[in-house]
Amino acid sequence: QVRLVESGGGLVQAGESLRLSCLASGFDFWITSMGWYRQAPGKGRELVAQISSIGTTKVAESVKGRFTISRDNDKAMIYLEMNGLRPEHTGTYFCNRAVSFSGPTPYASWGQGTQVTVSS
């Protein structure tokens, strides 16, 4: 029943910006902490940004000052504003539940993700 649909990725040059969107359904979005996960080529999935049900945010040290996460509970959507992109940010980005960085406990169901490729 959980459905997560990511969009907004693309191919960009280093230094450019993107805004990712995620539409969620099938669960009580308004009481659920959410996050953005990145899977780089040949690597595992990594939580890079998290937002609580009331809008408190936290981002990974590797993207601090560059990425901003936000949510709209009325629309059941979360967003990731990515500025000053660098090649190391390349990967497939997924949204899912993210209770915390230490124990994010995502739902078993994942969306297709959206690809972000940053060239140097």
N, C-alpha and C. Protein backbone atom coordinates (compact mmCIF):
# COMPACT_ATOMS: atom_id res chain seq x y z
N GLN A 1 0.81 -1.21 0.00
CA GLN A 1 0.00 0.00 0.00
C GLN A 1 0.85 1.27 0.00
N VAL A 2 2.04 1.19 0.57
CA VAL A 2 2.95 2.34 0.57
C VAL A 2 3.40 2.62 -0.86
N ARG A 3 3.29 3.87 -1.27
CA ARG A 3 3.75 4.28 -2.58
C ARG A 3 4.57 5.56 -2.46
N LEU A 4 5.73 5.55 -3.07
CA LEU A 4 6.66 6.67 -3.02
C LEU A 4 7.13 6.95 -4.43
N VAL A 5 6.91 8.16 -4.90
CA VAL A 5 7.22 8.52 -6.28
C VAL A 5 8.14 9.73 -6.28
N GLU A 6 9.39 9.51 -6.69
CA GLU A 6 10.39 10.57 -6.73
C GLU A 6 10.50 11.16 -8.13
N SER A 7 10.85 12.43 -8.19
CA SER A 7 11.03 13.10 -9.47
C SER A 7 11.98 14.28 -9.31
N GLY A 8 12.44 14.82 -10.43
CA GLY A 8 13.23 16.04 -10.41
C GLY A 8 14.71 15.87 -10.69
N GLY A 9 15.19 14.64 -10.80
CA GLY A 9 16.60 14.42 -11.07
C GLY A 9 16.97 14.78 -12.49
N GLY A 10 18.26 14.71 -12.78
CA GLY A 10 18.73 15.02 -14.12
C GLY A 10 20.24 15.02 -14.20
N LEU A 11 20.74 15.41 -15.36
CA LEU A 11 22.17 15.52 -15.61
C LEU A 11 22.54 16.99 -15.55
N VAL A 12 23.50 17.33 -14.68
CA VAL A 12 23.91 18.71 -14.50
C VAL A 12 25.42 18.81 -14.40
N GLN A 13 25.92 20.02 -14.63
CA GLN A 13 27.33 20.31 -14.43
C GLN A 13 27.59 20.65 -12.97
N ALA A 14 28.82 20.45 -12.53
CA ALA A 14 29.20 20.81 -11.17
C ALA A 14 28.89 22.28 -10.91
N GLY A 15 28.34 22.56 -9.74
CA GLY A 15 27.98 23.91 -9.36
C GLY A 15 26.53 24.26 -9.60
N GLU A 16 25.83 23.46 -10.37
CA GLU A 16 24.42 23.72 -10.65
C GLU A 16 23.53 23.17 -9.55
N SER A 17 22.22 23.39 -9.70
CA SER A 17 21.26 23.04 -8.66
C SER A 17 20.12 22.21 -9.22
N LEU A 18 19.50 21.43 -8.33
CA LEU A 18 18.32 20.65 -8.65
C LEU A 18 17.38 20.68 -7.45
N ARG A 19 16.09 20.46 -7.73
CA ARG A 19 15.11 20.31 -6.67
C ARG A 19 14.35 19.00 -6.90
N LEU A 20 14.48 18.08 -5.96
CA LEU A 20 13.80 16.80 -6.04
C LEU A 20 12.48 16.85 -5.29
N SER A 21 11.51 16.08 -5.77
CA SER A 21 10.20 16.00 -5.14
C SER A 21 9.83 14.54 -4.90
N CYS A 22 9.05 14.30 -3.87
CA CYS A 22 8.56 12.96 -3.55
C CYS A 22 7.11 13.05 -3.15
N LEU A 23 6.26 12.30 -3.83
CA LEU A 23 4.85 12.20 -3.50
C LEU A 23 4.61 10.88 -2.77
N ALA A 24 4.03 10.95 -1.57
CA ALA A 24 3.83 9.77 -0.73
C ALA A 24 2.35 9.46 -0.56
N SER A 25 2.03 8.17 -0.44
CA SER A 25 0.66 7.75 -0.18
C SER A 25 0.68 6.37 0.45
N GLY A 26 -0.46 5.97 1.03
CA GLY A 26 -0.58 4.65 1.60
C GLY A 26 -0.21 4.53 3.07
N PHE A 27 0.08 5.64 3.72
CA PHE A 27 0.39 5.65 5.14
C PHE A 27 0.08 7.03 5.70
N ASP A 28 0.16 7.17 7.03
CA ASP A 28 -0.15 8.44 7.68
C ASP A 28 1.04 9.38 7.57
N PHE A 29 1.13 10.04 6.43
CA PHE A 29 2.28 10.88 6.12
C PHE A 29 2.50 11.96 7.18
N TRP A 30 1.43 12.59 7.67
CA TRP A 30 1.55 13.75 8.53
C TRP A 30 2.18 13.45 9.89
N ILE A 31 2.23 12.19 10.28
CA ILE A 31 2.85 11.83 11.55
C ILE A 31 4.14 11.04 11.34
N THR A 32 4.65 11.03 10.12
CA THR A 32 5.79 10.21 9.77
C THR A 32 7.01 11.06 9.44
N SER A 33 8.12 10.80 10.12
CA SER A 33 9.38 11.43 9.76
C SER A 33 9.88 10.84 8.45
N MET A 34 10.37 11.69 7.58
CA MET A 34 10.76 11.28 6.24
C MET A 34 12.20 11.67 5.95
N GLY A 35 12.75 11.08 4.90
CA GLY A 35 14.11 11.42 4.53
C GLY A 35 14.41 11.12 3.08
N TRP A 36 15.55 11.62 2.65
CA TRP A 36 16.09 11.32 1.33
C TRP A 36 17.32 10.43 1.48
N TYR A 37 17.34 9.35 0.73
CA TYR A 37 18.43 8.40 0.72
C TYR A 37 19.12 8.45 -0.63
N ARG A 38 20.44 8.32 -0.63
CA ARG A 38 21.21 8.31 -1.87
C ARG A 38 21.95 6.99 -2.00
N GLN A 39 21.89 6.41 -3.18
CA GLN A 39 22.68 5.24 -3.50
C GLN A 39 23.63 5.59 -4.63
N ALA A 40 24.90 5.76 -4.29
CA ALA A 40 25.91 6.07 -5.29
C ALA A 40 26.28 4.80 -6.05
N PRO A 41 26.84 4.96 -7.26
CA PRO A 41 27.22 3.78 -8.04
C PRO A 41 28.16 2.86 -7.26
N GLY A 42 27.80 1.59 -7.15
CA GLY A 42 28.62 0.61 -6.47
C GLY A 42 28.62 0.69 -4.96
N LYS A 43 27.75 1.51 -4.38
CA LYS A 43 27.71 1.69 -2.93
C LYS A 43 26.31 1.41 -2.40
N GLY A 44 26.20 1.31 -1.08
CA GLY A 44 24.93 1.10 -0.44
C GLY A 44 24.13 2.38 -0.30
N ARG A 45 22.92 2.24 0.15
CA ARG A 45 22.04 3.38 0.34
C ARG A 45 22.43 4.15 1.60
N GLU A 46 22.45 5.48 1.51
CA GLU A 46 22.86 6.35 2.61
C GLU A 46 21.81 7.43 2.84
N LEU A 47 21.40 7.61 4.08
CA LEU A 47 20.49 8.69 4.43
C LEU A 47 21.25 10.00 4.43
N VAL A 48 20.79 10.98 3.66
CA VAL A 48 21.50 12.25 3.55
C VAL A 48 20.73 13.42 4.14
N ALA A 49 19.42 13.29 4.31
CA ALA A 49 18.62 14.37 4.87
C ALA A 49 17.36 13.80 5.50
N GLN A 50 16.93 14.39 6.61
CA GLN A 50 15.77 13.89 7.34
C GLN A 50 14.92 15.06 7.82
N ILE A 51 13.61 14.83 7.90
CA ILE A 51 12.70 15.85 8.40
C ILE A 51 11.62 15.18 9.23
N SER A 52 11.36 15.71 10.41
CA SER A 52 10.35 15.15 11.29
C SER A 52 8.95 15.54 10.82
N SER A 53 7.95 14.97 11.48
CA SER A 53 6.56 15.27 11.13
C SER A 53 6.20 16.73 11.33
N ILE A 54 6.92 17.42 12.20
CA ILE A 54 6.64 18.83 12.46
C ILE A 54 7.64 19.77 11.79
N GLY A 55 8.56 19.22 11.00
CA GLY A 55 9.43 20.06 10.20
C GLY A 55 10.84 20.26 10.71
N THR A 56 11.24 19.59 11.78
CA THR A 56 12.61 19.67 12.26
C THR A 56 13.52 18.91 11.30
N THR A 57 14.62 19.52 10.88
CA THR A 57 15.47 18.93 9.84
C THR A 57 16.87 18.61 10.34
N LYS A 58 17.48 17.66 9.66
CA LYS A 58 18.86 17.29 9.89
C LYS A 58 19.43 16.77 8.58
N VAL A 59 20.67 17.16 8.27
CA VAL A 59 21.32 16.68 7.06
C VAL A 59 22.66 16.08 7.41
N ALA A 60 23.14 15.22 6.53
CA ALA A 60 24.44 14.61 6.73
C ALA A 60 25.54 15.67 6.62
N GLU A 61 26.62 15.44 7.33
CA GLU A 61 27.74 16.38 7.31
C GLU A 61 28.26 16.60 5.89
N SER A 62 28.21 15.57 5.07
CA SER A 62 28.75 15.65 3.73
C SER A 62 27.98 16.61 2.82
N VAL A 63 26.75 16.95 3.18
CA VAL A 63 25.94 17.84 2.34
C VAL A 63 25.50 19.09 3.08
N LYS A 64 25.99 19.29 4.29
CA LYS A 64 25.61 20.46 5.09
C LYS A 64 25.98 21.74 4.35
N GLY A 65 25.02 22.67 4.31
CA GLY A 65 25.22 23.92 3.61
C GLY A 65 24.89 23.87 2.14
N ARG A 66 24.61 22.71 1.61
CA ARG A 66 24.29 22.54 0.20
C ARG A 66 22.88 22.01 -0.02
N PHE A 67 22.42 21.08 0.83
CA PHE A 67 21.11 20.46 0.67
C PHE A 67 20.15 20.97 1.74
N THR A 68 18.89 21.18 1.35
CA THR A 68 17.84 21.57 2.27
C THR A 68 16.62 20.69 2.04
N ILE A 69 16.11 20.07 3.10
CA ILE A 69 14.93 19.22 3.01
C ILE A 69 13.73 19.98 3.57
N SER A 70 12.56 19.76 2.95
CA SER A 70 11.34 20.39 3.42
C SER A 70 10.16 19.47 3.14
N ARG A 71 8.99 19.80 3.69
CA ARG A 71 7.81 18.97 3.49
C ARG A 71 6.56 19.82 3.43
N ASP A 72 5.53 19.26 2.81
CA ASP A 72 4.21 19.87 2.75
C ASP A 72 3.22 18.79 3.15
N ASN A 73 2.74 18.85 4.37
CA ASN A 73 1.85 17.80 4.87
C ASN A 73 0.50 17.79 4.17
N ASP A 74 0.03 18.95 3.72
CA ASP A 74 -1.25 19.01 3.01
C ASP A 74 -1.18 18.28 1.67
N LYS A 75 0.00 18.30 1.05
CA LYS A 75 0.19 17.64 -0.24
C LYS A 75 0.83 16.27 -0.12
N ALA A 76 1.24 15.88 1.09
CA ALA A 76 1.95 14.62 1.32
C ALA A 76 3.20 14.54 0.45
N MET A 77 3.99 15.60 0.47
CA MET A 77 5.20 15.66 -0.34
C MET A 77 6.39 16.11 0.49
N ILE A 78 7.56 15.64 0.12
CA ILE A 78 8.81 16.18 0.63
C ILE A 78 9.68 16.60 -0.54
N TYR A 79 10.61 17.51 -0.26
CA TYR A 79 11.45 18.08 -1.29
C TYR A 79 12.90 18.07 -0.83
N LEU A 80 13.81 18.10 -1.79
CA LEU A 80 15.22 18.25 -1.50
C LEU A 80 15.81 19.28 -2.45
N GLU A 81 16.16 20.44 -1.91
CA GLU A 81 16.83 21.48 -2.68
C GLU A 81 18.32 21.23 -2.61
N MET A 82 18.94 21.04 -3.76
CA MET A 82 20.36 20.72 -3.83
C MET A 82 21.06 21.83 -4.58
N ASN A 83 21.94 22.54 -3.90
CA ASN A 83 22.69 23.64 -4.48
C ASN A 83 24.17 23.33 -4.51
N GLY A 84 24.86 23.92 -5.48
CA GLY A 84 26.30 23.71 -5.59
C GLY A 84 26.67 22.25 -5.72
N LEU A 85 25.98 21.54 -6.59
CA LEU A 85 26.21 20.10 -6.75
C LEU A 85 27.63 19.79 -7.19
N ARG A 86 28.14 18.68 -6.70
CA ARG A 86 29.47 18.20 -7.05
C ARG A 86 29.38 16.75 -7.51
N PRO A 87 30.39 16.27 -8.23
CA PRO A 87 30.33 14.90 -8.75
C PRO A 87 30.07 13.84 -7.69
N GLU A 88 30.56 14.03 -6.48
CA GLU A 88 30.34 13.05 -5.42
C GLU A 88 28.89 12.94 -4.98
N HIS A 89 28.05 13.86 -5.42
CA HIS A 89 26.62 13.79 -5.11
C HIS A 89 25.86 12.92 -6.10
N THR A 90 26.53 12.40 -7.09
CA THR A 90 25.89 11.55 -8.09
C THR A 90 25.33 10.29 -7.44
N GLY A 91 24.13 9.90 -7.86
CA GLY A 91 23.51 8.69 -7.37
C GLY A 91 22.03 8.69 -7.63
N THR A 92 21.39 7.61 -7.21
CA THR A 92 19.94 7.52 -7.28
C THR A 92 19.36 7.93 -5.94
N TYR A 93 18.43 8.87 -5.96
CA TYR A 93 17.85 9.41 -4.74
C TYR A 93 16.46 8.84 -4.52
N PHE A 94 16.23 8.35 -3.31
CA PHE A 94 14.96 7.77 -2.90
C PHE A 94 14.41 8.51 -1.69
N CYS A 95 13.11 8.59 -1.58
CA CYS A 95 12.49 9.06 -0.34
C CYS A 95 11.88 7.87 0.38
N ASN A 96 11.79 7.97 1.70
CA ASN A 96 11.19 6.92 2.51
C ASN A 96 11.11 7.42 3.95
N ARG A 97 10.49 6.62 4.80
CA ARG A 97 10.48 6.94 6.22
C ARG A 97 11.91 7.01 6.73
N ALA A 98 12.15 7.96 7.65
CA ALA A 98 13.47 8.12 8.25
C ALA A 98 13.29 8.63 9.68
N VAL A 99 13.18 7.72 10.61
CA VAL A 99 12.93 8.08 12.00
C VAL A 99 14.10 8.85 12.59
N SER A 100 15.32 8.43 12.26
CA SER A 100 16.53 9.09 12.72
C SER A 100 17.68 8.66 11.84
N PHE A 101 18.82 9.33 11.98
CA PHE A 101 20.00 8.92 11.23
C PHE A 101 20.56 7.60 11.76
N SER A 102 20.49 7.39 13.06
CA SER A 102 21.04 6.17 13.63
C SER A 102 20.15 4.96 13.39
N GLY A 103 18.84 5.18 13.30
CA GLY A 103 17.90 4.09 13.06
C GLY A 103 16.74 4.54 12.20
N PRO A 104 16.99 4.77 10.91
CA PRO A 104 15.96 5.37 10.03
C PRO A 104 14.73 4.51 9.81
N THR A 105 14.84 3.20 9.86
CA THR A 105 13.72 2.26 9.69
C THR A 105 12.81 2.62 8.53
N PRO A 106 13.33 2.62 7.30
CA PRO A 106 12.46 2.87 6.15
C PRO A 106 11.44 1.77 5.95
N TYR A 107 10.35 2.08 5.26
CA TYR A 107 9.40 1.06 4.87
C TYR A 107 10.07 0.08 3.91
N ALA A 108 9.54 -1.13 3.88
CA ALA A 108 10.10 -2.14 2.98
C ALA A 108 9.88 -1.80 1.51
N SER A 109 8.83 -1.04 1.22
CA SER A 109 8.52 -0.65 -0.14
C SER A 109 9.25 0.63 -0.52
N TRP A 110 10.00 0.57 -1.62
CA TRP A 110 10.74 1.71 -2.15
C TRP A 110 10.19 2.11 -3.50
N GLY A 111 10.33 3.40 -3.82
CA GLY A 111 9.98 3.86 -5.15
C GLY A 111 11.08 3.56 -6.14
N GLN A 112 10.92 4.04 -7.36
CA GLN A 112 11.92 3.80 -8.38
C GLN A 112 13.14 4.71 -8.23
N GLY A 113 13.02 5.77 -7.44
CA GLY A 113 14.10 6.72 -7.27
C GLY A 113 14.20 7.66 -8.45
N THR A 114 15.04 8.69 -8.28
CA THR A 114 15.31 9.62 -9.37
C THR A 114 16.82 9.82 -9.47
N GLN A 115 17.33 9.73 -10.69
CA GLN A 115 18.76 9.74 -10.92
C GLN A 115 19.31 11.17 -10.97
N VAL A 116 20.38 11.39 -10.23
CA VAL A 116 21.11 12.65 -10.26
C VAL A 116 22.53 12.36 -10.71
N THR A 117 22.94 12.97 -11.80
CA THR A 117 24.30 12.80 -12.31
C THR A 117 24.96 14.16 -12.44
N VAL A 118 26.10 14.32 -11.78
CA VAL A 118 26.81 15.59 -11.78
C VAL A 118 28.16 15.39 -12.47
N SER A 119 28.39 16.10 -13.54
CA SER A 119 29.65 16.00 -14.28
C SER A 119 30.60 17.10 -13.85
N SER A 120 31.89 16.82 -13.92
CA SER A 120 32.90 17.79 -13.52
C SER A 120 33.31 18.68 -14.67
